[in-house]
Amino acid sequence: MKVVILAGGLGTRLAEETTVKPKPMVEIGGMPILWHIMKIYSHYGFNEFVICLGYKGEVIKEWFKNYHLRQSDVTFDFLTGATKFHSQTREPWKVTLVDTGAQSMTGGRLLRLKELIGNERFMLTYGDGVGNVNISELVKHHEDSGKLATLTSVIPGGRFGVVETDESNSVLAFSEKTDNQKRVNAGFFVFEPQVFNYLKDGDATVLEQDPLKTLAHEGQLLSHPHDGFWHPMDTLSDKNKLEGLWSSGEAPWKLWQ
């Protein structure tokens, strides 16, 4: 199953870092948060990624192009022109990088992947949030529900879109109201390919607006409650908090060895 990661936004609230790089490339523990997100999925055996590029997408392309060089000791033989890598790090990943437009909205970026995804179930998440989400349980919950879409919901400290659910975790409403006691959308979606039929406004489609609200109205959107760790990286304060957790050796999202 492919994992789509939205990595094209401007990241204006983290301008201290994003004037020179896209937000998913802001580093935690010396590695981009994008890498941390991919390692979470890879821990559960999901290793095929599609990265939606936009703002400064070339930075992400260059990083992946030079991944082995960055992670390995290397010998350059200037006489023969040979390059030899020593103790190189190999990830079991297949990564497709797609330019989804500099100004595209979240649903618009996803819509540009329609042919690439094809008629298959897929996952999607934001390129700026980490958590110890059990991806296997998430997928099973989605499969058992028979719904077209599942989002992971958490109870954070506010400022996010609220998810109203019933006792069976069906999403009844998806609003912009903020309430610290309400669950909010944390990404980590699972989608059936029919979801593309709900992306009707081209590049201007905002996934979190009409598409998710319509799915909820039709009873086709499931909430997967996650009560463990989740944290976005919207501001410099968020970055510093995540960096502190990583540096202390107590990063809850580090599920891999």
Protein backbone atom coordinates (compact mmCIF):
# COMPACT_ATOMS: atom_id res chain seq x y z
CA MET A 1 0.00 0.00 0.00
CA LYS A 2 1.34 3.41 -0.97
CA VAL A 3 1.89 6.10 1.67
CA VAL A 4 1.31 9.66 0.43
CA ILE A 5 3.00 12.45 2.39
CA LEU A 6 2.02 16.09 1.90
CA ALA A 7 5.28 18.03 1.78
CA GLY A 8 4.57 21.09 -0.33
CA GLY A 9 3.30 23.77 2.05
CA LEU A 10 5.01 27.05 2.86
CA GLY A 11 5.40 26.56 6.63
CA THR A 12 5.04 30.27 7.33
CA ARG A 13 4.74 29.81 11.11
CA LEU A 14 8.21 28.27 11.15
CA ALA A 15 9.84 31.01 9.09
CA GLU A 16 13.05 30.78 11.12
CA GLU A 17 13.73 27.52 9.25
CA THR A 18 11.52 27.54 6.16
CA THR A 19 13.03 30.54 4.39
CA VAL A 20 15.69 28.14 3.07
CA LYS A 21 13.94 24.75 3.13
CA PRO A 22 10.44 23.26 3.09
CA LYS A 23 9.01 22.46 6.51
CA PRO A 24 9.26 18.64 6.11
CA MET A 25 13.03 19.12 5.80
CA VAL A 26 13.38 20.89 9.16
CA GLU A 27 15.55 18.59 11.23
CA ILE A 28 14.91 16.78 14.50
CA GLY A 29 18.00 15.02 15.79
CA GLY A 30 19.91 15.80 12.61
CA MET A 31 17.32 14.22 10.28
CA PRO A 32 14.34 15.87 8.53
CA ILE A 33 10.96 15.33 10.19
CA LEU A 34 9.96 13.77 6.85
CA TRP A 35 12.46 10.98 7.54
CA HIS A 36 10.98 10.43 11.01
CA ILE A 37 7.49 10.07 9.51
CA MET A 38 8.72 7.58 6.93
CA LYS A 39 10.48 5.55 9.61
CA ILE A 40 7.18 5.25 11.52
CA TYR A 41 5.43 3.75 8.49
CA SER A 42 8.43 1.60 7.60
CA HIS A 43 8.42 0.12 11.10
CA TYR A 44 5.04 -1.41 10.22
CA GLY A 45 6.19 -2.69 6.84
CA PHE A 46 4.89 0.12 4.62
CA ASN A 47 7.80 1.19 2.45
CA GLU A 48 6.37 2.65 -0.76
CA PHE A 49 6.10 6.43 -0.48
CA VAL A 50 4.76 9.18 -2.71
CA ILE A 51 5.93 12.63 -1.62
CA CYS A 52 3.86 15.63 -2.76
CA LEU A 53 6.28 18.45 -3.49
CA GLY A 54 5.61 22.17 -3.80
CA TYR A 55 7.53 24.93 -2.04
CA LYS A 56 11.28 24.34 -2.47
CA GLY A 57 10.64 20.80 -3.65
CA GLU A 58 14.11 20.65 -5.18
CA VAL A 59 15.58 20.57 -1.65
CA ILE A 60 13.71 17.32 -0.97
CA LYS A 61 14.80 15.85 -4.31
CA GLU A 62 18.44 16.63 -3.61
CA TRP A 63 18.22 15.16 -0.12
CA PHE A 64 16.92 11.82 -1.38
CA LYS A 65 19.37 11.79 -4.28
CA ASN A 66 22.28 12.09 -1.84
CA TYR A 67 20.82 9.97 0.97
CA HIS A 68 23.39 7.17 0.76
CA LEU A 69 26.24 9.65 0.48
CA ARG A 70 25.06 11.50 3.59
CA GLN A 71 24.63 8.33 5.64
CA SER A 72 27.77 6.40 4.67
CA ASP A 73 31.53 6.55 4.90
CA VAL A 74 32.86 6.78 1.37
CA THR A 75 36.11 6.47 -0.58
CA PHE A 76 36.60 8.45 -3.79
CA ASP A 77 39.35 7.04 -6.04
CA PHE A 78 40.37 10.03 -8.16
CA LEU A 79 42.69 7.89 -10.29
CA THR A 80 40.02 5.44 -11.46
CA GLY A 81 36.93 7.55 -10.84
CA ALA A 82 35.46 4.80 -8.63
CA THR A 83 33.33 5.49 -5.57
CA LYS A 84 33.11 2.96 -2.75
CA PHE A 85 30.59 3.19 0.09
CA HIS A 86 31.44 1.74 3.49
CA SER A 87 28.83 0.61 6.04
CA GLN A 88 26.13 2.30 4.04
CA THR A 89 22.64 2.64 5.45
CA ARG A 90 20.01 0.97 3.29
CA GLU A 91 16.31 1.67 3.75
CA PRO A 92 13.77 -0.71 2.16
CA TRP A 93 12.04 2.27 0.57
CA LYS A 94 10.69 3.07 -2.87
CA VAL A 95 10.17 6.84 -3.03
CA THR A 96 8.34 8.73 -5.77
CA LEU A 97 8.69 12.52 -5.70
CA VAL A 98 5.90 14.42 -7.48
CA ASP A 99 5.72 18.16 -8.11
CA THR A 100 2.12 18.94 -7.12
CA GLY A 101 2.36 22.70 -7.65
CA ALA A 102 3.63 25.63 -5.65
CA GLN A 103 0.17 26.92 -4.71
CA SER A 104 -1.93 23.74 -4.63
CA MET A 105 -4.04 23.03 -1.57
CA THR A 106 -4.02 19.70 0.28
CA GLY A 107 -6.79 18.09 -1.76
CA GLY A 108 -5.39 19.53 -4.96
CA ARG A 109 -2.03 17.89 -4.30
CA LEU A 110 -3.74 14.57 -3.69
CA LEU A 111 -5.86 14.90 -6.84
CA ARG A 112 -2.70 15.22 -8.95
CA LEU A 113 -1.77 11.69 -7.82
CA LYS A 114 -4.96 10.04 -9.08
CA GLU A 115 -3.36 8.16 -11.97
CA LEU A 116 -0.30 7.23 -9.93
CA ILE A 117 -2.39 5.78 -7.09
CA GLY A 118 -4.78 3.98 -9.41
CA ASN A 119 -7.62 1.83 -8.09
CA GLU A 120 -5.91 0.93 -4.82
CA ARG A 121 -6.33 1.70 -1.15
CA PHE A 122 -3.68 4.13 0.09
CA MET A 123 -2.58 6.06 3.15
CA LEU A 124 -1.88 9.77 3.52
CA THR A 125 -0.44 12.00 6.20
CA TYR A 126 0.98 15.47 6.72
CA GLY A 127 4.72 16.06 6.42
CA ASP A 128 5.03 17.85 9.75
CA GLY A 129 3.56 15.65 12.49
CA VAL A 130 4.85 12.60 14.35
CA GLY A 131 3.26 10.14 16.75
CA ASN A 132 3.41 6.61 18.04
CA VAL A 133 0.39 5.65 15.95
CA ASN A 134 0.04 1.89 15.45
CA ILE A 135 -0.31 1.85 11.67
CA SER A 136 -1.29 -1.83 11.54
CA GLU A 137 -4.20 -1.23 13.93
CA LEU A 138 -5.19 1.87 11.96
CA VAL A 139 -5.40 -0.09 8.70
CA LYS A 140 -7.35 -2.93 10.31
CA HIS A 141 -9.82 -0.50 11.88
CA HIS A 142 -10.36 1.05 8.44
CA GLU A 143 -10.78 -2.33 6.72
CA ASP A 144 -13.27 -3.54 9.34
CA SER A 145 -15.36 -0.38 9.02
CA GLY A 146 -16.05 -0.69 5.29
CA LYS A 147 -15.90 3.10 4.99
CA LEU A 148 -14.19 5.11 2.26
CA ALA A 149 -11.96 7.14 4.58
CA THR A 150 -10.41 6.99 8.03
CA LEU A 151 -8.55 9.71 9.89
CA THR A 152 -6.59 9.43 13.10
CA SER A 153 -8.02 11.64 15.85
CA VAL A 154 -6.27 12.86 18.98
CA ILE A 155 -6.93 15.22 21.89
CA PRO A 156 -4.26 17.96 21.65
CA GLY A 157 -3.92 21.42 23.11
CA GLY A 158 -6.25 23.22 20.70
CA ARG A 159 -6.00 25.22 17.43
CA PHE A 160 -7.02 22.31 15.17
CA GLY A 161 -10.17 21.21 13.32
CA VAL A 162 -12.58 19.34 15.59
CA VAL A 163 -13.84 15.83 14.83
CA GLU A 164 -17.32 15.00 16.19
CA THR A 165 -18.02 11.23 16.40
CA ASP A 166 -20.73 8.83 17.53
CA GLU A 167 -20.30 5.71 19.67
CA SER A 168 -19.15 3.64 16.67
CA ASN A 169 -16.45 6.24 15.80
CA SER A 170 -18.25 7.33 12.65
CA VAL A 171 -17.48 11.00 12.04
CA LEU A 172 -20.66 13.06 12.32
CA ALA A 173 -19.11 16.47 11.66
CA PHE A 174 -15.77 18.00 10.83
CA SER A 175 -15.49 21.63 11.94
CA GLU A 176 -12.96 24.38 12.54
CA LYS A 177 -14.18 24.95 16.10
CA THR A 178 -11.41 24.66 18.71
CA ASP A 179 -12.01 22.98 22.04
CA ASN A 180 -9.24 21.43 24.10
CA GLN A 181 -11.52 18.56 25.16
CA LYS A 182 -12.45 17.54 21.60
CA ARG A 183 -10.65 15.20 19.26
CA VAL A 184 -8.96 16.73 16.25
CA ASN A 185 -7.65 15.52 12.91
CA ALA A 186 -4.04 14.34 13.27
CA GLY A 187 -3.62 13.02 9.73
CA PHE A 188 -2.53 9.39 9.38
CA PHE A 189 -5.41 8.74 6.95
CA VAL A 190 -6.44 5.58 5.13
CA PHE A 191 -8.40 6.14 1.91
CA GLU A 192 -10.19 4.03 -0.66
CA PRO A 193 -9.63 5.21 -4.26
CA GLN A 194 -13.24 6.44 -4.48
CA VAL A 195 -12.10 9.40 -2.35
CA PHE A 196 -10.76 11.00 -5.54
CA ASN A 197 -14.41 11.52 -6.61
CA TYR A 198 -14.76 13.99 -3.72
CA LEU A 199 -11.89 16.23 -4.88
CA LYS A 200 -13.85 18.47 -7.23
CA ASP A 201 -12.12 21.86 -7.24
CA GLY A 202 -8.79 21.01 -8.83
CA ASP A 203 -5.72 22.53 -7.21
CA ALA A 204 -7.96 24.71 -5.02
CA THR A 205 -9.45 21.67 -3.24
CA VAL A 206 -8.88 21.76 0.51
CA LEU A 207 -9.08 18.17 1.73
CA GLU A 208 -10.16 19.23 5.21
CA GLN A 209 -13.11 21.28 3.90
CA ASP A 210 -15.75 19.95 1.47
CA PRO A 211 -14.23 16.50 0.81
CA LEU A 212 -13.98 15.38 4.45
CA LYS A 213 -17.18 17.17 5.44
CA THR A 214 -19.09 15.48 2.63
CA LEU A 215 -17.65 12.08 3.52
CA ALA A 216 -18.71 12.65 7.12
CA HIS A 217 -22.22 13.72 6.05
CA GLU A 218 -22.55 10.54 3.98
CA GLY A 219 -21.37 8.34 6.85
CA GLN A 220 -18.20 7.39 5.00
CA LEU A 221 -15.58 8.89 7.34
CA LEU A 222 -14.25 6.94 10.33
CA SER A 223 -12.32 8.31 13.31
CA HIS A 224 -9.47 6.14 14.56
CA PRO A 225 -8.89 7.35 18.15
CA HIS A 226 -5.24 7.60 19.14
CA ASP A 227 -4.58 8.27 22.82
CA GLY A 228 -0.81 8.00 22.66
CA PHE A 229 1.75 10.61 21.65
CA TRP A 230 1.18 12.95 18.70
CA HIS A 231 2.69 16.34 18.05
CA PRO A 232 2.81 18.64 15.00
CA MET A 233 5.73 20.89 14.16
CA ASP A 234 4.04 24.18 13.33
CA THR A 235 6.24 26.61 15.24
CA LEU A 236 9.79 26.98 16.52
CA SER A 237 8.48 26.06 19.97
CA ASP A 238 7.11 22.80 18.55
CA LYS A 239 10.44 22.06 16.91
CA ASN A 240 12.31 22.69 20.14
CA LYS A 241 9.97 20.40 22.07
CA LEU A 242 10.46 17.55 19.58
CA GLU A 243 14.21 18.16 19.52
CA GLY A 244 14.30 17.99 23.31
CA LEU A 245 12.44 14.67 23.36
CA TRP A 246 14.79 13.22 20.75
CA SER A 247 17.92 14.47 22.50
CA SER A 248 16.75 12.98 25.80
CA GLY A 249 16.33 9.56 24.23
CA GLU A 250 12.63 9.66 25.08
CA ALA A 251 11.06 10.35 21.68
CA PRO A 252 7.75 8.39 21.81
CA TRP A 253 7.47 8.19 18.02
CA LYS A 254 10.82 6.37 17.68
CA LEU A 255 9.34 2.90 17.25
CA TRP A 256 12.24 1.56 15.20
CA GLN A 257 15.59 0.27 16.44
